[in-house]
Amino acid sequence: IYSGDEIATLNDYGFLKDEAKSDD
């Protein structure tokens, strides 16, 4: 199981505000 799937975790769009992660 991928961690978070056991509690139905949704997409996290916070990465778009992080310059180090926004392109991935």
mmCIF file of all heavy atoms, coordinates in Angstrom:
data_MODEL
# 
_entry.id   MODEL 
# 
loop_
_atom_site.group_PDB 
_atom_site.id 
_atom_site.type_symbol 
_atom_site.label_atom_id 
_atom_site.label_alt_id 
_atom_site.label_comp_id 
_atom_site.label_asym_id 
_atom_site.label_entity_id 
_atom_site.label_seq_id 
_atom_site.pdbx_PDB_ins_code 
_atom_site.Cartn_x 
_atom_site.Cartn_y 
_atom_site.Cartn_z 
_atom_site.occupancy 
_atom_site.B_iso_or_equiv 
_atom_site.pdbx_formal_charge 
_atom_site.auth_seq_id 
_atom_site.auth_comp_id 
_atom_site.auth_asym_id 
_atom_site.auth_atom_id 
_atom_site.pdbx_PDB_model_num 
ATOM 1   N N   . ILE A 1 1  ? 0.855  -1.186 0.000   1.00 0.00 ? 1  ILE A N   1 
ATOM 2   C CA  . ILE A 1 1  ? 0.000  0.000  0.000   1.00 0.00 ? 1  ILE A CA  1 
ATOM 3   C C   . ILE A 1 1  ? 0.891  1.237  0.000   1.00 0.00 ? 1  ILE A C   1 
ATOM 4   O O   . ILE A 1 1  ? 1.910  1.267  0.698   1.00 0.00 ? 1  ILE A O   1 
ATOM 5   C CB  . ILE A 1 1  ? -0.899 0.031  1.261   1.00 0.00 ? 1  ILE A CB  1 
ATOM 6   C CG1 . ILE A 1 1  ? -1.568 -1.322 1.514   1.00 0.00 ? 1  ILE A CG1 1 
ATOM 7   C CG2 . ILE A 1 1  ? -1.917 1.158  1.175   1.00 0.00 ? 1  ILE A CG2 1 
ATOM 8   C CD1 . ILE A 1 1  ? -2.456 -1.807 0.421   1.00 0.00 ? 1  ILE A CD1 1 
ATOM 9   N N   . TYR A 1 2  ? 0.541  2.238  -0.775  1.00 0.00 ? 2  TYR A N   1 
ATOM 10  C CA  . TYR A 1 2  ? 1.284  3.493  -0.741  1.00 0.00 ? 2  TYR A CA  1 
ATOM 11  C C   . TYR A 1 2  ? 0.734  4.344  0.389   1.00 0.00 ? 2  TYR A C   1 
ATOM 12  O O   . TYR A 1 2  ? -0.478 4.584  0.480   1.00 0.00 ? 2  TYR A O   1 
ATOM 13  C CB  . TYR A 1 2  ? 1.156  4.217  -2.081  1.00 0.00 ? 2  TYR A CB  1 
ATOM 14  C CG  . TYR A 1 2  ? 1.945  5.506  -2.157  1.00 0.00 ? 2  TYR A CG  1 
ATOM 15  C CD1 . TYR A 1 2  ? 3.286  5.555  -1.777  1.00 0.00 ? 2  TYR A CD1 1 
ATOM 16  C CD2 . TYR A 1 2  ? 1.354  6.678  -2.618  1.00 0.00 ? 2  TYR A CD2 1 
ATOM 17  C CE1 . TYR A 1 2  ? 4.006  6.734  -1.854  1.00 0.00 ? 2  TYR A CE1 1 
ATOM 18  C CE2 . TYR A 1 2  ? 2.069  7.863  -2.712  1.00 0.00 ? 2  TYR A CE2 1 
ATOM 19  C CZ  . TYR A 1 2  ? 3.394  7.884  -2.319  1.00 0.00 ? 2  TYR A CZ  1 
ATOM 20  O OH  . TYR A 1 2  ? 4.105  9.063  -2.392  1.00 0.00 ? 2  TYR A OH  1 
ATOM 21  N N   . SER A 1 3  ? 1.612  4.795  1.268   1.00 0.00 ? 3  SER A N   1 
ATOM 22  C CA  . SER A 1 3  ? 1.206  5.552  2.455   1.00 0.00 ? 3  SER A CA  1 
ATOM 23  C C   . SER A 1 3  ? 0.273  6.711  2.092   1.00 0.00 ? 3  SER A C   1 
ATOM 24  O O   . SER A 1 3  ? 0.572  7.523  1.222   1.00 0.00 ? 3  SER A O   1 
ATOM 25  C CB  . SER A 1 3  ? 2.445  6.093  3.166   1.00 0.00 ? 3  SER A CB  1 
ATOM 26  O OG  . SER A 1 3  ? 2.088  6.913  4.252   1.00 0.00 ? 3  SER A OG  1 
ATOM 27  N N   . GLY A 1 4  ? -0.832 6.762  2.776   1.00 0.00 ? 4  GLY A N   1 
ATOM 28  C CA  . GLY A 1 4  ? -1.854 7.779  2.529   1.00 0.00 ? 4  GLY A CA  1 
ATOM 29  C C   . GLY A 1 4  ? -3.058 7.212  1.810   1.00 0.00 ? 4  GLY A C   1 
ATOM 30  O O   . GLY A 1 4  ? -4.184 7.700  1.994   1.00 0.00 ? 4  GLY A O   1 
ATOM 31  N N   . ASP A 1 5  ? -2.846 6.167  1.007   1.00 0.00 ? 5  ASP A N   1 
ATOM 32  C CA  . ASP A 1 5  ? -3.972 5.561  0.295   1.00 0.00 ? 5  ASP A CA  1 
ATOM 33  C C   . ASP A 1 5  ? -4.936 4.873  1.249   1.00 0.00 ? 5  ASP A C   1 
ATOM 34  O O   . ASP A 1 5  ? -6.120 4.713  0.936   1.00 0.00 ? 5  ASP A O   1 
ATOM 35  C CB  . ASP A 1 5  ? -3.471 4.555  -0.744  1.00 0.00 ? 5  ASP A CB  1 
ATOM 36  C CG  . ASP A 1 5  ? -2.816 5.234  -1.938  1.00 0.00 ? 5  ASP A CG  1 
ATOM 37  O OD1 . ASP A 1 5  ? -2.991 6.459  -2.102  1.00 0.00 ? 5  ASP A OD1 1 
ATOM 38  O OD2 . ASP A 1 5  ? -2.121 4.536  -2.709  1.00 0.00 ? 5  ASP A OD2 1 
ATOM 39  N N   . GLU A 1 6  ? -4.430 4.461  2.409   1.00 0.00 ? 6  GLU A N   1 
ATOM 40  C CA  . GLU A 1 6  ? -5.292 3.772  3.378   1.00 0.00 ? 6  GLU A CA  1 
ATOM 41  C C   . GLU A 1 6  ? -6.314 4.707  4.006   1.00 0.00 ? 6  GLU A C   1 
ATOM 42  O O   . GLU A 1 6  ? -7.296 4.253  4.609   1.00 0.00 ? 6  GLU A O   1 
ATOM 43  C CB  . GLU A 1 6  ? -4.433 3.106  4.465   1.00 0.00 ? 6  GLU A CB  1 
ATOM 44  C CG  . GLU A 1 6  ? -3.852 4.022  5.519   1.00 0.00 ? 6  GLU A CG  1 
ATOM 45  C CD  . GLU A 1 6  ? -2.632 4.820  5.062   1.00 0.00 ? 6  GLU A CD  1 
ATOM 46  O OE1 . GLU A 1 6  ? -2.235 4.707  3.881   1.00 0.00 ? 6  GLU A OE1 1 
ATOM 47  O OE2 . GLU A 1 6  ? -2.068 5.561  5.902   1.00 0.00 ? 6  GLU A OE2 1 
ATOM 48  N N   . ILE A 1 7  ? -6.108 6.030  3.865   1.00 0.00 ? 7  ILE A N   1 
ATOM 49  C CA  . ILE A 1 7  ? -7.090 6.994  4.372   1.00 0.00 ? 7  ILE A CA  1 
ATOM 50  C C   . ILE A 1 7  ? -7.595 7.886  3.231   1.00 0.00 ? 7  ILE A C   1 
ATOM 51  O O   . ILE A 1 7  ? -8.094 8.988  3.465   1.00 0.00 ? 7  ILE A O   1 
ATOM 52  C CB  . ILE A 1 7  ? -6.526 7.854  5.522   1.00 0.00 ? 7  ILE A CB  1 
ATOM 53  C CG1 . ILE A 1 7  ? -5.195 8.521  5.103   1.00 0.00 ? 7  ILE A CG1 1 
ATOM 54  C CG2 . ILE A 1 7  ? -6.336 7.017  6.783   1.00 0.00 ? 7  ILE A CG2 1 
ATOM 55  C CD1 . ILE A 1 7  ? -4.706 9.584  6.072   1.00 0.00 ? 7  ILE A CD1 1 
ATOM 56  N N   . ALA A 1 8  ? -7.461 7.414  2.000   1.00 0.00 ? 8  ALA A N   1 
ATOM 57  C CA  . ALA A 1 8  ? -7.997 8.111  0.818   1.00 0.00 ? 8  ALA A CA  1 
ATOM 58  C C   . ALA A 1 8  ? -7.475 9.535  0.687   1.00 0.00 ? 8  ALA A C   1 
ATOM 59  O O   . ALA A 1 8  ? -8.229 10.494 0.476   1.00 0.00 ? 8  ALA A O   1 
ATOM 60  C CB  . ALA A 1 8  ? -9.532 8.108  0.863   1.00 0.00 ? 8  ALA A CB  1 
ATOM 61  N N   . THR A 1 9  ? -6.161 9.696  0.790   1.00 0.00 ? 9  THR A N   1 
ATOM 62  C CA  . THR A 1 9  ? -5.537 11.015 0.673   1.00 0.00 ? 9  THR A CA  1 
ATOM 63  C C   . THR A 1 9  ? -5.690 11.562 -0.749  1.00 0.00 ? 9  THR A C   1 
ATOM 64  O O   . THR A 1 9  ? -5.446 10.858 -1.729  1.00 0.00 ? 9  THR A O   1 
ATOM 65  C CB  . THR A 1 9  ? -4.040 10.926 1.022   1.00 0.00 ? 9  THR A CB  1 
ATOM 66  O OG1 . THR A 1 9  ? -3.917 10.464 2.372   1.00 0.00 ? 9  THR A OG1 1 
ATOM 67  C CG2 . THR A 1 9  ? -3.356 12.274 0.886   1.00 0.00 ? 9  THR A CG2 1 
ATOM 68  N N   . LEU A 1 10 ? -6.075 12.839 -0.847  1.00 0.00 ? 10 LEU A N   1 
ATOM 69  C CA  . LEU A 1 10 ? -6.281 13.487 -2.144  1.00 0.00 ? 10 LEU A CA  1 
ATOM 70  C C   . LEU A 1 10 ? -4.988 14.115 -2.647  1.00 0.00 ? 10 LEU A C   1 
ATOM 71  O O   . LEU A 1 10 ? -3.983 14.184 -1.924  1.00 0.00 ? 10 LEU A O   1 
ATOM 72  C CB  . LEU A 1 10 ? -7.366 14.555 -2.022  1.00 0.00 ? 10 LEU A CB  1 
ATOM 73  C CG  . LEU A 1 10 ? -8.733 14.099 -1.494  1.00 0.00 ? 10 LEU A CG  1 
ATOM 74  C CD1 . LEU A 1 10 ? -9.677 15.297 -1.381  1.00 0.00 ? 10 LEU A CD1 1 
ATOM 75  C CD2 . LEU A 1 10 ? -9.339 13.029 -2.399  1.00 0.00 ? 10 LEU A CD2 1 
ATOM 76  N N   . ASN A 1 11 ? -5.022 14.584 -3.889  1.00 0.00 ? 11 ASN A N   1 
ATOM 77  C CA  . ASN A 1 11 ? -3.873 15.295 -4.446  1.00 0.00 ? 11 ASN A CA  1 
ATOM 78  C C   . ASN A 1 11 ? -3.510 16.498 -3.587  1.00 0.00 ? 11 ASN A C   1 
ATOM 79  O O   . ASN A 1 11 ? -4.387 17.177 -3.036  1.00 0.00 ? 11 ASN A O   1 
ATOM 80  C CB  . ASN A 1 11 ? -4.189 15.806 -5.860  1.00 0.00 ? 11 ASN A CB  1 
ATOM 81  C CG  . ASN A 1 11 ? -4.267 14.693 -6.878  1.00 0.00 ? 11 ASN A CG  1 
ATOM 82  O OD1 . ASN A 1 11 ? -3.744 13.610 -6.685  1.00 0.00 ? 11 ASN A OD1 1 
ATOM 83  N ND2 . ASN A 1 11 ? -4.932 14.976 -7.993  1.00 0.00 ? 11 ASN A ND2 1 
ATOM 84  N N   . ASP A 1 12 ? -2.211 16.765 -3.523  1.00 0.00 ? 12 ASP A N   1 
ATOM 85  C CA  . ASP A 1 12 ? -1.703 17.939 -2.807  1.00 0.00 ? 12 ASP A CA  1 
ATOM 86  C C   . ASP A 1 12 ? -1.090 18.880 -3.844  1.00 0.00 ? 12 ASP A C   1 
ATOM 87  O O   . ASP A 1 12 ? -0.083 18.559 -4.459  1.00 0.00 ? 12 ASP A O   1 
ATOM 88  C CB  . ASP A 1 12 ? -0.653 17.502 -1.782  1.00 0.00 ? 12 ASP A CB  1 
ATOM 89  C CG  . ASP A 1 12 ? -0.033 18.679 -1.035  1.00 0.00 ? 12 ASP A CG  1 
ATOM 90  O OD1 . ASP A 1 12 ? -0.500 19.816 -1.232  1.00 0.00 ? 12 ASP A OD1 1 
ATOM 91  O OD2 . ASP A 1 12 ? 0.927  18.447 -0.274  1.00 0.00 ? 12 ASP A OD2 1 
ATOM 92  N N   . TYR A 1 13 ? -1.715 20.038 -4.035  1.00 0.00 ? 13 TYR A N   1 
ATOM 93  C CA  . TYR A 1 13 ? -1.250 20.968 -5.060  1.00 0.00 ? 13 TYR A CA  1 
ATOM 94  C C   . TYR A 1 13 ? -0.273 22.006 -4.516  1.00 0.00 ? 13 TYR A C   1 
ATOM 95  O O   . TYR A 1 13 ? 0.108  22.943 -5.216  1.00 0.00 ? 13 TYR A O   1 
ATOM 96  C CB  . TYR A 1 13 ? -2.445 21.661 -5.713  1.00 0.00 ? 13 TYR A CB  1 
ATOM 97  C CG  . TYR A 1 13 ? -3.383 20.680 -6.381  1.00 0.00 ? 13 TYR A CG  1 
ATOM 98  C CD1 . TYR A 1 13 ? -4.573 20.286 -5.773  1.00 0.00 ? 13 TYR A CD1 1 
ATOM 99  C CD2 . TYR A 1 13 ? -3.058 20.097 -7.606  1.00 0.00 ? 13 TYR A CD2 1 
ATOM 100 C CE1 . TYR A 1 13 ? -5.423 19.360 -6.364  1.00 0.00 ? 13 TYR A CE1 1 
ATOM 101 C CE2 . TYR A 1 13 ? -3.892 19.177 -8.213  1.00 0.00 ? 13 TYR A CE2 1 
ATOM 102 C CZ  . TYR A 1 13 ? -5.077 18.812 -7.583  1.00 0.00 ? 13 TYR A CZ  1 
ATOM 103 O OH  . TYR A 1 13 ? -5.912 17.888 -8.179  1.00 0.00 ? 13 TYR A OH  1 
ATOM 104 N N   . GLY A 1 14 ? 0.160  21.817 -3.284  1.00 0.00 ? 14 GLY A N   1 
ATOM 105 C CA  . GLY A 1 14 ? 1.103  22.741 -2.668  1.00 0.00 ? 14 GLY A CA  1 
ATOM 106 C C   . GLY A 1 14 ? 2.443  22.793 -3.378  1.00 0.00 ? 14 GLY A C   1 
ATOM 107 O O   . GLY A 1 14 ? 3.176  23.780 -3.269  1.00 0.00 ? 14 GLY A O   1 
ATOM 108 N N   . PHE A 1 15 ? 2.763  21.735 -4.119  1.00 0.00 ? 15 PHE A N   1 
ATOM 109 C CA  . PHE A 1 15 ? 4.051  21.693 -4.817  1.00 0.00 ? 15 PHE A CA  1 
ATOM 110 C C   . PHE A 1 15 ? 4.191  22.824 -5.833  1.00 0.00 ? 15 PHE A C   1 
ATOM 111 O O   . PHE A 1 15 ? 5.306  23.253 -6.167  1.00 0.00 ? 15 PHE A O   1 
ATOM 112 C CB  . PHE A 1 15 ? 4.235  20.333 -5.519  1.00 0.00 ? 15 PHE A CB  1 
ATOM 113 C CG  . PHE A 1 15 ? 3.487  20.185 -6.807  1.00 0.00 ? 15 PHE A CG  1 
ATOM 114 C CD1 . PHE A 1 15 ? 4.120  20.410 -8.024  1.00 0.00 ? 15 PHE A CD1 1 
ATOM 115 C CD2 . PHE A 1 15 ? 2.143  19.820 -6.816  1.00 0.00 ? 15 PHE A CD2 1 
ATOM 116 C CE1 . PHE A 1 15 ? 3.433  20.268 -9.223  1.00 0.00 ? 15 PHE A CE1 1 
ATOM 117 C CE2 . PHE A 1 15 ? 1.454  19.677 -8.008  1.00 0.00 ? 15 PHE A CE2 1 
ATOM 118 C CZ  . PHE A 1 15 ? 2.097  19.902 -9.217  1.00 0.00 ? 15 PHE A CZ  1 
ATOM 119 N N   . LEU A 1 16 ? 3.050  23.329 -6.328  1.00 0.00 ? 16 LEU A N   1 
ATOM 120 C CA  . LEU A 1 16 ? 3.077  24.387 -7.341  1.00 0.00 ? 16 LEU A CA  1 
ATOM 121 C C   . LEU A 1 16 ? 3.654  25.690 -6.788  1.00 0.00 ? 16 LEU A C   1 
ATOM 122 O O   . LEU A 1 16 ? 4.143  26.530 -7.544  1.00 0.00 ? 16 LEU A O   1 
ATOM 123 C CB  . LEU A 1 16 ? 1.666  24.629 -7.877  1.00 0.00 ? 16 LEU A CB  1 
ATOM 124 C CG  . LEU A 1 16 ? 1.061  23.472 -8.686  1.00 0.00 ? 16 LEU A CG  1 
ATOM 125 C CD1 . LEU A 1 16 ? -0.427 23.697 -8.924  1.00 0.00 ? 16 LEU A CD1 1 
ATOM 126 C CD2 . LEU A 1 16 ? 1.797  23.304 -10.012 1.00 0.00 ? 16 LEU A CD2 1 
ATOM 127 N N   . LYS A 1 17 ? 3.626  25.848 -5.461  1.00 0.00 ? 17 LYS A N   1 
ATOM 128 C CA  . LYS A 1 17 ? 4.140  27.070 -4.830  1.00 0.00 ? 17 LYS A CA  1 
ATOM 129 C C   . LYS A 1 17 ? 5.598  26.932 -4.406  1.00 0.00 ? 17 LYS A C   1 
ATOM 130 O O   . LYS A 1 17 ? 6.185  27.879 -3.886  1.00 0.00 ? 17 LYS A O   1 
ATOM 131 C CB  . LYS A 1 17 ? 3.280  27.412 -3.609  1.00 0.00 ? 17 LYS A CB  1 
ATOM 132 C CG  . LYS A 1 17 ? 1.809  27.653 -3.935  1.00 0.00 ? 17 LYS A CG  1 
ATOM 133 C CD  . LYS A 1 17 ? 0.996  27.875 -2.669  1.00 0.00 ? 17 LYS A CD  1 
ATOM 134 C CE  . LYS A 1 17 ? -0.483 28.034 -2.987  1.00 0.00 ? 17 LYS A CE  1 
ATOM 135 N NZ  . LYS A 1 17 ? -1.305 28.186 -1.749  1.00 0.00 ? 17 LYS A NZ  1 
ATOM 136 N N   . ASP A 1 18 ? 6.155  25.749 -4.623  1.00 0.00 ? 18 ASP A N   1 
ATOM 137 C CA  . ASP A 1 18 ? 7.542  25.472 -4.230  1.00 0.00 ? 18 ASP A CA  1 
ATOM 138 C C   . ASP A 1 18 ? 8.406  25.435 -5.493  1.00 0.00 ? 18 ASP A C   1 
ATOM 139 O O   . ASP A 1 18 ? 8.253  24.553 -6.337  1.00 0.00 ? 18 ASP A O   1 
ATOM 140 C CB  . ASP A 1 18 ? 7.615  24.130 -3.487  1.00 0.00 ? 18 ASP A CB  1 
ATOM 141 C CG  . ASP A 1 18 ? 8.996  23.833 -2.936  1.00 0.00 ? 18 ASP A CG  1 
ATOM 142 O OD1 . ASP A 1 18 ? 9.991  24.390 -3.440  1.00 0.00 ? 18 ASP A OD1 1 
ATOM 143 O OD2 . ASP A 1 18 ? 9.090  23.018 -1.998  1.00 0.00 ? 18 ASP A OD2 1 
ATOM 144 N N   . GLU A 1 19 ? 9.321  26.400 -5.633  1.00 0.00 ? 19 GLU A N   1 
ATOM 145 C CA  . GLU A 1 19 ? 10.132 26.489 -6.852  1.00 0.00 ? 19 GLU A CA  1 
ATOM 146 C C   . GLU A 1 19 ? 10.948 25.221 -7.095  1.00 0.00 ? 19 GLU A C   1 
ATOM 147 O O   . GLU A 1 19 ? 11.202 24.843 -8.240  1.00 0.00 ? 19 GLU A O   1 
ATOM 148 C CB  . GLU A 1 19 ? 11.075 27.699 -6.770  1.00 0.00 ? 19 GLU A CB  1 
ATOM 149 C CG  . GLU A 1 19 ? 10.369 29.036 -6.924  1.00 0.00 ? 19 GLU A CG  1 
ATOM 150 C CD  . GLU A 1 19 ? 11.346 30.197 -6.972  1.00 0.00 ? 19 GLU A CD  1 
ATOM 151 O OE1 . GLU A 1 19 ? 12.568 29.942 -7.062  1.00 0.00 ? 19 GLU A OE1 1 
ATOM 152 O OE2 . GLU A 1 19 ? 10.901 31.352 -6.921  1.00 0.00 ? 19 GLU A OE2 1 
ATOM 153 N N   . ALA A 1 20 ? 11.357 24.559 -6.020  1.00 0.00 ? 20 ALA A N   1 
ATOM 154 C CA  . ALA A 1 20 ? 12.185 23.357 -6.150  1.00 0.00 ? 20 ALA A CA  1 
ATOM 155 C C   . ALA A 1 20 ? 11.384 22.156 -6.646  1.00 0.00 ? 20 ALA A C   1 
ATOM 156 O O   . ALA A 1 20 ? 11.961 21.167 -7.100  1.00 0.00 ? 20 ALA A O   1 
ATOM 157 C CB  . ALA A 1 20 ? 12.841 23.032 -4.818  1.00 0.00 ? 20 ALA A CB  1 
ATOM 158 N N   . LYS A 1 21 ? 10.048 22.246 -6.567  1.00 0.00 ? 21 LYS A N   1 
ATOM 159 C CA  . LYS A 1 21 ? 9.204  21.103 -6.917  1.00 0.00 ? 21 LYS A CA  1 
ATOM 160 C C   . LYS A 1 21 ? 8.179  21.404 -8.009  1.00 0.00 ? 21 LYS A C   1 
ATOM 161 O O   . LYS A 1 21 ? 7.563  20.479 -8.553  1.00 0.00 ? 21 LYS A O   1 
ATOM 162 C CB  . LYS A 1 21 ? 8.462  20.603 -5.669  1.00 0.00 ? 21 LYS A CB  1 
ATOM 163 C CG  . LYS A 1 21 ? 9.381  20.103 -4.564  1.00 0.00 ? 21 LYS A CG  1 
ATOM 164 C CD  . LYS A 1 21 ? 8.596  19.769 -3.290  1.00 0.00 ? 21 LYS A CD  1 
ATOM 165 C CE  . LYS A 1 21 ? 9.530  19.294 -2.189  1.00 0.00 ? 21 LYS A CE  1 
ATOM 166 N NZ  . LYS A 1 21 ? 8.814  19.074 -0.918  1.00 0.00 ? 21 LYS A NZ  1 
ATOM 167 N N   . SER A 1 22 ? 7.986  22.660 -8.323  1.00 0.00 ? 22 SER A N   1 
ATOM 168 C CA  . SER A 1 22 ? 6.868  23.050 -9.192  1.00 0.00 ? 22 SER A CA  1 
ATOM 169 C C   . SER A 1 22 ? 6.941  22.464 -10.598 1.00 0.00 ? 22 SER A C   1 
ATOM 170 O O   . SER A 1 22 ? 5.921  22.379 -11.279 1.00 0.00 ? 22 SER A O   1 
ATOM 171 C CB  . SER A 1 22 ? 6.772  24.579 -9.275  1.00 0.00 ? 22 SER A CB  1 
ATOM 172 O OG  . SER A 1 22 ? 7.977  25.117 -9.805  1.00 0.00 ? 22 SER A OG  1 
ATOM 173 N N   . ASP A 1 23 ? 8.144  22.062 -11.031 1.00 0.00 ? 23 ASP A N   1 
ATOM 174 C CA  . ASP A 1 23 ? 8.264  21.503 -12.384 1.00 0.00 ? 23 ASP A CA  1 
ATOM 175 C C   . ASP A 1 23 ? 8.129  19.982 -12.400 1.00 0.00 ? 23 ASP A C   1 
ATOM 176 O O   . ASP A 1 23 ? 8.314  19.348 -13.437 1.00 0.00 ? 23 ASP A O   1 
ATOM 177 C CB  . ASP A 1 23 ? 9.603  21.904 -13.007 1.00 0.00 ? 23 ASP A CB  1 
ATOM 178 C CG  . ASP A 1 23 ? 10.799 21.363 -12.233 1.00 0.00 ? 23 ASP A CG  1 
ATOM 179 O OD1 . ASP A 1 23 ? 10.605 20.927 -11.078 1.00 0.00 ? 23 ASP A OD1 1 
ATOM 180 O OD2 . ASP A 1 23 ? 11.922 21.380 -12.776 1.00 0.00 ? 23 ASP A OD2 1 
ATOM 181 N N   . ASP A 1 24 ? 7.785  19.390 -11.260 1.00 0.00 ? 24 ASP A N   1 
ATOM 182 C CA  . ASP A 1 24 ? 7.632  17.932 -11.157 1.00 0.00 ? 24 ASP A CA  1 
ATOM 183 C C   . ASP A 1 24 ? 6.312  17.630 -10.461 1.00 0.00 ? 24 ASP A C   1 
ATOM 184 O O   . ASP A 1 24 ? 6.216  17.656 -9.234  1.00 0.00 ? 24 ASP A O   1 
ATOM 185 C CB  . ASP A 1 24 ? 8.802  17.330 -10.372 1.00 0.00 ? 24 ASP A CB  1 
ATOM 186 C CG  . ASP A 1 24 ? 8.779  15.800 -10.333 1.00 0.00 ? 24 ASP A CG  1 
ATOM 187 O OD1 . ASP A 1 24 ? 7.735  15.210 -10.700 1.00 0.00 ? 24 ASP A OD1 1 
ATOM 188 O OD2 . ASP A 1 24 ? 9.784  15.198 -9.922  1.00 0.00 ? 24 ASP A OD2 1 
# 
